[in-house]
Amino acid sequence: MESKHEILNLFGENVRKYRRLLNISQEELAHRAELHRTYIGMIERAEKNITLVNIEKIANALEVKIEDLLKHSDNANIH
């Protein structure tokens, strides 16, 4: 099992990756997920421990499965 910090980094990287693939801003993702823009930034930087409810909101807003946000990927660092 991964440490808390590693899982937060992985989740944040995947949120950023899928957000960029949709070509949307943190603000737009926050709007779609009904969350605050600064909260999205904190998640992408692995500064927040996110709840299951908010994981579901973000996955739905990004149009991906929850497990996609928790998977290791070769393309996790898309810029």
N, C-alpha and C. Protein backbone atom coordinates (compact mmCIF):
# COMPACT_ATOMS: atom_id res chain seq x y z
N MET A 1 0.84 -1.19 0.00
CA MET A 1 0.00 0.00 0.00
C MET A 1 0.88 1.24 0.00
N GLU A 2 0.45 2.26 -0.73
CA GLU A 2 1.22 3.48 -0.83
C GLU A 2 1.04 4.34 0.41
N SER A 3 2.05 5.15 0.71
CA SER A 3 1.89 6.09 1.82
C SER A 3 0.88 7.17 1.43
N LYS A 4 0.37 7.86 2.43
CA LYS A 4 -0.63 8.90 2.19
C LYS A 4 -0.11 9.94 1.21
N HIS A 5 1.11 10.36 1.40
CA HIS A 5 1.66 11.41 0.53
C HIS A 5 1.76 10.94 -0.92
N GLU A 6 2.19 9.71 -1.14
CA GLU A 6 2.33 9.19 -2.50
C GLU A 6 0.98 9.11 -3.20
N ILE A 7 -0.05 8.66 -2.51
CA ILE A 7 -1.37 8.55 -3.13
C ILE A 7 -1.94 9.94 -3.44
N LEU A 8 -1.66 10.92 -2.59
CA LEU A 8 -2.12 12.28 -2.87
C LEU A 8 -1.40 12.85 -4.09
N ASN A 9 -0.11 12.57 -4.21
CA ASN A 9 0.64 13.02 -5.40
C ASN A 9 0.10 12.37 -6.66
N LEU A 10 -0.12 11.07 -6.61
CA LEU A 10 -0.65 10.35 -7.77
C LEU A 10 -2.02 10.89 -8.17
N PHE A 11 -2.90 11.07 -7.19
CA PHE A 11 -4.23 11.58 -7.48
C PHE A 11 -4.15 12.97 -8.09
N GLY A 12 -3.35 13.85 -7.50
CA GLY A 12 -3.21 15.20 -8.01
C GLY A 12 -2.66 15.25 -9.42
N GLU A 13 -1.66 14.41 -9.70
CA GLU A 13 -1.09 14.35 -11.05
C GLU A 13 -2.14 13.90 -12.06
N ASN A 14 -2.94 12.92 -11.68
CA ASN A 14 -3.96 12.42 -12.59
C ASN A 14 -5.08 13.43 -12.80
N VAL A 15 -5.47 14.15 -11.76
CA VAL A 15 -6.47 15.20 -11.93
C VAL A 15 -5.95 16.23 -12.93
N ARG A 16 -4.71 16.66 -12.75
CA ARG A 16 -4.10 17.64 -13.66
C ARG A 16 -4.05 17.09 -15.08
N LYS A 17 -3.64 15.83 -15.23
CA LYS A 17 -3.54 15.21 -16.56
C LYS A 17 -4.89 15.22 -17.27
N TYR A 18 -5.93 14.73 -16.60
CA TYR A 18 -7.24 14.64 -17.26
C TYR A 18 -7.85 16.02 -17.48
N ARG A 19 -7.57 16.95 -16.58
CA ARG A 19 -8.06 18.32 -16.77
C ARG A 19 -7.43 18.93 -18.01
N ARG A 20 -6.14 18.73 -18.17
CA ARG A 20 -5.45 19.28 -19.34
C ARG A 20 -5.87 18.59 -20.63
N LEU A 21 -6.16 17.29 -20.55
CA LEU A 21 -6.66 16.60 -21.73
C LEU A 21 -8.00 17.17 -22.19
N LEU A 22 -8.81 17.63 -21.23
CA LEU A 22 -10.08 18.28 -21.57
C LEU A 22 -9.88 19.75 -21.95
N ASN A 23 -8.65 20.24 -21.77
CA ASN A 23 -8.31 21.63 -22.06
C ASN A 23 -9.20 22.60 -21.27
N ILE A 24 -9.33 22.31 -19.96
CA ILE A 24 -10.11 23.20 -19.09
C ILE A 24 -9.22 23.71 -17.96
N SER A 25 -9.58 24.85 -17.43
CA SER A 25 -8.84 25.46 -16.33
C SER A 25 -9.24 24.81 -15.00
N GLN A 26 -8.45 25.10 -13.97
CA GLN A 26 -8.83 24.68 -12.63
C GLN A 26 -10.18 25.28 -12.25
N GLU A 27 -10.38 26.51 -12.65
CA GLU A 27 -11.64 27.18 -12.36
C GLU A 27 -12.82 26.47 -13.02
N GLU A 28 -12.66 26.06 -14.27
CA GLU A 28 -13.73 25.35 -14.97
C GLU A 28 -13.99 23.98 -14.32
N LEU A 29 -12.92 23.27 -13.97
CA LEU A 29 -13.10 21.99 -13.29
C LEU A 29 -13.83 22.19 -11.97
N ALA A 30 -13.44 23.20 -11.23
CA ALA A 30 -14.10 23.49 -9.95
C ALA A 30 -15.59 23.75 -10.16
N HIS A 31 -15.90 24.52 -11.18
CA HIS A 31 -17.30 24.82 -11.49
C HIS A 31 -18.07 23.54 -11.82
N ARG A 32 -17.50 22.70 -12.67
CA ARG A 32 -18.15 21.45 -13.07
C ARG A 32 -18.34 20.50 -11.88
N ALA A 33 -17.37 20.52 -10.94
CA ALA A 33 -17.41 19.61 -9.80
C ALA A 33 -18.12 20.24 -8.59
N GLU A 34 -18.52 21.50 -8.72
CA GLU A 34 -19.15 22.24 -7.62
C GLU A 34 -18.23 22.31 -6.41
N LEU A 35 -16.96 22.65 -6.69
CA LEU A 35 -15.94 22.83 -5.66
C LEU A 35 -15.27 24.18 -5.88
N HIS A 36 -14.45 24.61 -4.93
CA HIS A 36 -13.76 25.90 -5.05
C HIS A 36 -12.49 25.74 -5.88
N ARG A 37 -12.16 26.75 -6.67
CA ARG A 37 -10.98 26.71 -7.53
C ARG A 37 -9.69 26.48 -6.72
N THR A 38 -9.55 27.13 -5.58
CA THR A 38 -8.33 26.95 -4.80
C THR A 38 -8.22 25.53 -4.26
N TYR A 39 -9.35 24.90 -4.01
CA TYR A 39 -9.36 23.51 -3.55
C TYR A 39 -8.81 22.59 -4.64
N ILE A 40 -9.19 22.84 -5.88
CA ILE A 40 -8.68 22.04 -7.01
C ILE A 40 -7.16 22.20 -7.10
N GLY A 41 -6.68 23.42 -6.97
CA GLY A 41 -5.23 23.65 -7.00
C GLY A 41 -4.51 22.91 -5.89
N MET A 42 -5.09 22.92 -4.71
CA MET A 42 -4.49 22.23 -3.57
C MET A 42 -4.48 20.71 -3.80
N ILE A 43 -5.49 20.19 -4.44
CA ILE A 43 -5.54 18.76 -4.76
C ILE A 43 -4.45 18.43 -5.77
N GLU A 44 -4.33 19.24 -6.81
CA GLU A 44 -3.32 18.98 -7.84
C GLU A 44 -1.90 19.06 -7.26
N ARG A 45 -1.71 19.87 -6.24
CA ARG A 45 -0.39 20.00 -5.60
C ARG A 45 -0.23 19.04 -4.42
N ALA A 46 -1.19 18.16 -4.21
CA ALA A 46 -1.16 17.16 -3.13
C ALA A 46 -1.10 17.80 -1.75
N GLU A 47 -1.77 18.93 -1.60
CA GLU A 47 -1.80 19.64 -0.32
C GLU A 47 -3.05 19.33 0.49
N LYS A 48 -4.02 18.67 -0.11
CA LYS A 48 -5.29 18.37 0.56
C LYS A 48 -5.56 16.88 0.53
N ASN A 49 -6.04 16.36 1.64
CA ASN A 49 -6.51 14.98 1.70
C ASN A 49 -7.98 15.03 1.35
N ILE A 50 -8.33 14.47 0.21
CA ILE A 50 -9.66 14.63 -0.37
C ILE A 50 -10.63 13.56 0.13
N THR A 51 -11.90 13.91 0.23
CA THR A 51 -12.93 12.95 0.66
C THR A 51 -13.41 12.13 -0.53
N LEU A 52 -14.03 11.01 -0.21
CA LEU A 52 -14.59 10.15 -1.26
C LEU A 52 -15.66 10.87 -2.06
N VAL A 53 -16.46 11.67 -1.40
CA VAL A 53 -17.52 12.43 -2.09
C VAL A 53 -16.90 13.36 -3.12
N ASN A 54 -15.83 14.05 -2.75
CA ASN A 54 -15.19 14.98 -3.68
C ASN A 54 -14.42 14.26 -4.77
N ILE A 55 -13.89 13.08 -4.47
CA ILE A 55 -13.26 12.27 -5.52
C ILE A 55 -14.29 11.95 -6.59
N GLU A 56 -15.48 11.56 -6.17
CA GLU A 56 -16.54 11.25 -7.13
C GLU A 56 -16.94 12.48 -7.93
N LYS A 57 -17.05 13.63 -7.29
CA LYS A 57 -17.41 14.86 -8.00
C LYS A 57 -16.37 15.19 -9.07
N ILE A 58 -15.10 15.06 -8.73
CA ILE A 58 -14.03 15.39 -9.67
C ILE A 58 -14.00 14.38 -10.82
N ALA A 59 -14.13 13.10 -10.50
CA ALA A 59 -14.16 12.09 -11.56
C ALA A 59 -15.30 12.35 -12.52
N ASN A 60 -16.48 12.65 -12.00
CA ASN A 60 -17.63 12.95 -12.86
C ASN A 60 -17.37 14.18 -13.71
N ALA A 61 -16.79 15.21 -13.11
CA ALA A 61 -16.52 16.45 -13.84
C ALA A 61 -15.48 16.23 -14.95
N LEU A 62 -14.54 15.31 -14.70
CA LEU A 62 -13.51 14.99 -15.70
C LEU A 62 -13.96 13.90 -16.68
N GLU A 63 -15.14 13.34 -16.43
CA GLU A 63 -15.70 12.30 -17.29
C GLU A 63 -14.80 11.06 -17.33
N VAL A 64 -14.27 10.68 -16.15
CA VAL A 64 -13.45 9.48 -16.02
C VAL A 64 -13.97 8.65 -14.85
N LYS A 65 -13.50 7.43 -14.76
CA LYS A 65 -13.83 6.57 -13.63
C LYS A 65 -12.93 6.95 -12.45
N ILE A 66 -13.43 6.74 -11.25
CA ILE A 66 -12.63 7.03 -10.06
C ILE A 66 -11.29 6.30 -10.12
N GLU A 67 -11.30 5.04 -10.54
CA GLU A 67 -10.05 4.29 -10.55
C GLU A 67 -9.02 4.89 -11.50
N ASP A 68 -9.46 5.60 -12.54
CA ASP A 68 -8.51 6.26 -13.45
C ASP A 68 -7.69 7.33 -12.73
N LEU A 69 -8.27 7.92 -11.70
CA LEU A 69 -7.57 8.96 -10.95
C LEU A 69 -6.60 8.39 -9.93
N LEU A 70 -6.62 7.07 -9.76
CA LEU A 70 -5.76 6.42 -8.78
C LEU A 70 -4.72 5.50 -9.42
N LYS A 71 -4.74 5.42 -10.75
CA LYS A 71 -3.82 4.53 -11.47
C LYS A 71 -2.51 5.23 -11.81
N HIS A 72 -1.45 4.45 -11.75
CA HIS A 72 -0.16 4.93 -12.27
C HIS A 72 -0.24 4.92 -13.78
N SER A 73 0.34 5.92 -14.40
CA SER A 73 0.28 6.03 -15.86
C SER A 73 1.59 6.56 -16.37
N ASP A 74 1.99 6.09 -17.55
CA ASP A 74 3.20 6.61 -18.20
C ASP A 74 3.04 8.07 -18.58
N ASN A 75 1.77 8.50 -18.75
CA ASN A 75 1.51 9.86 -19.19
C ASN A 75 1.04 10.76 -18.05
N ALA A 76 1.37 10.42 -16.82
CA ALA A 76 0.88 11.19 -15.66
C ALA A 76 1.44 12.60 -15.63
N ASN A 77 2.51 12.87 -16.37
CA ASN A 77 3.11 14.21 -16.32
C ASN A 77 2.91 14.97 -17.62
N ILE A 78 1.75 14.85 -18.23
CA ILE A 78 1.44 15.61 -19.44
C ILE A 78 1.44 17.09 -19.10
N HIS A 79 2.10 17.88 -19.91
CA HIS A 79 2.12 19.34 -19.68
C HIS A 79 1.56 19.97 -20.88
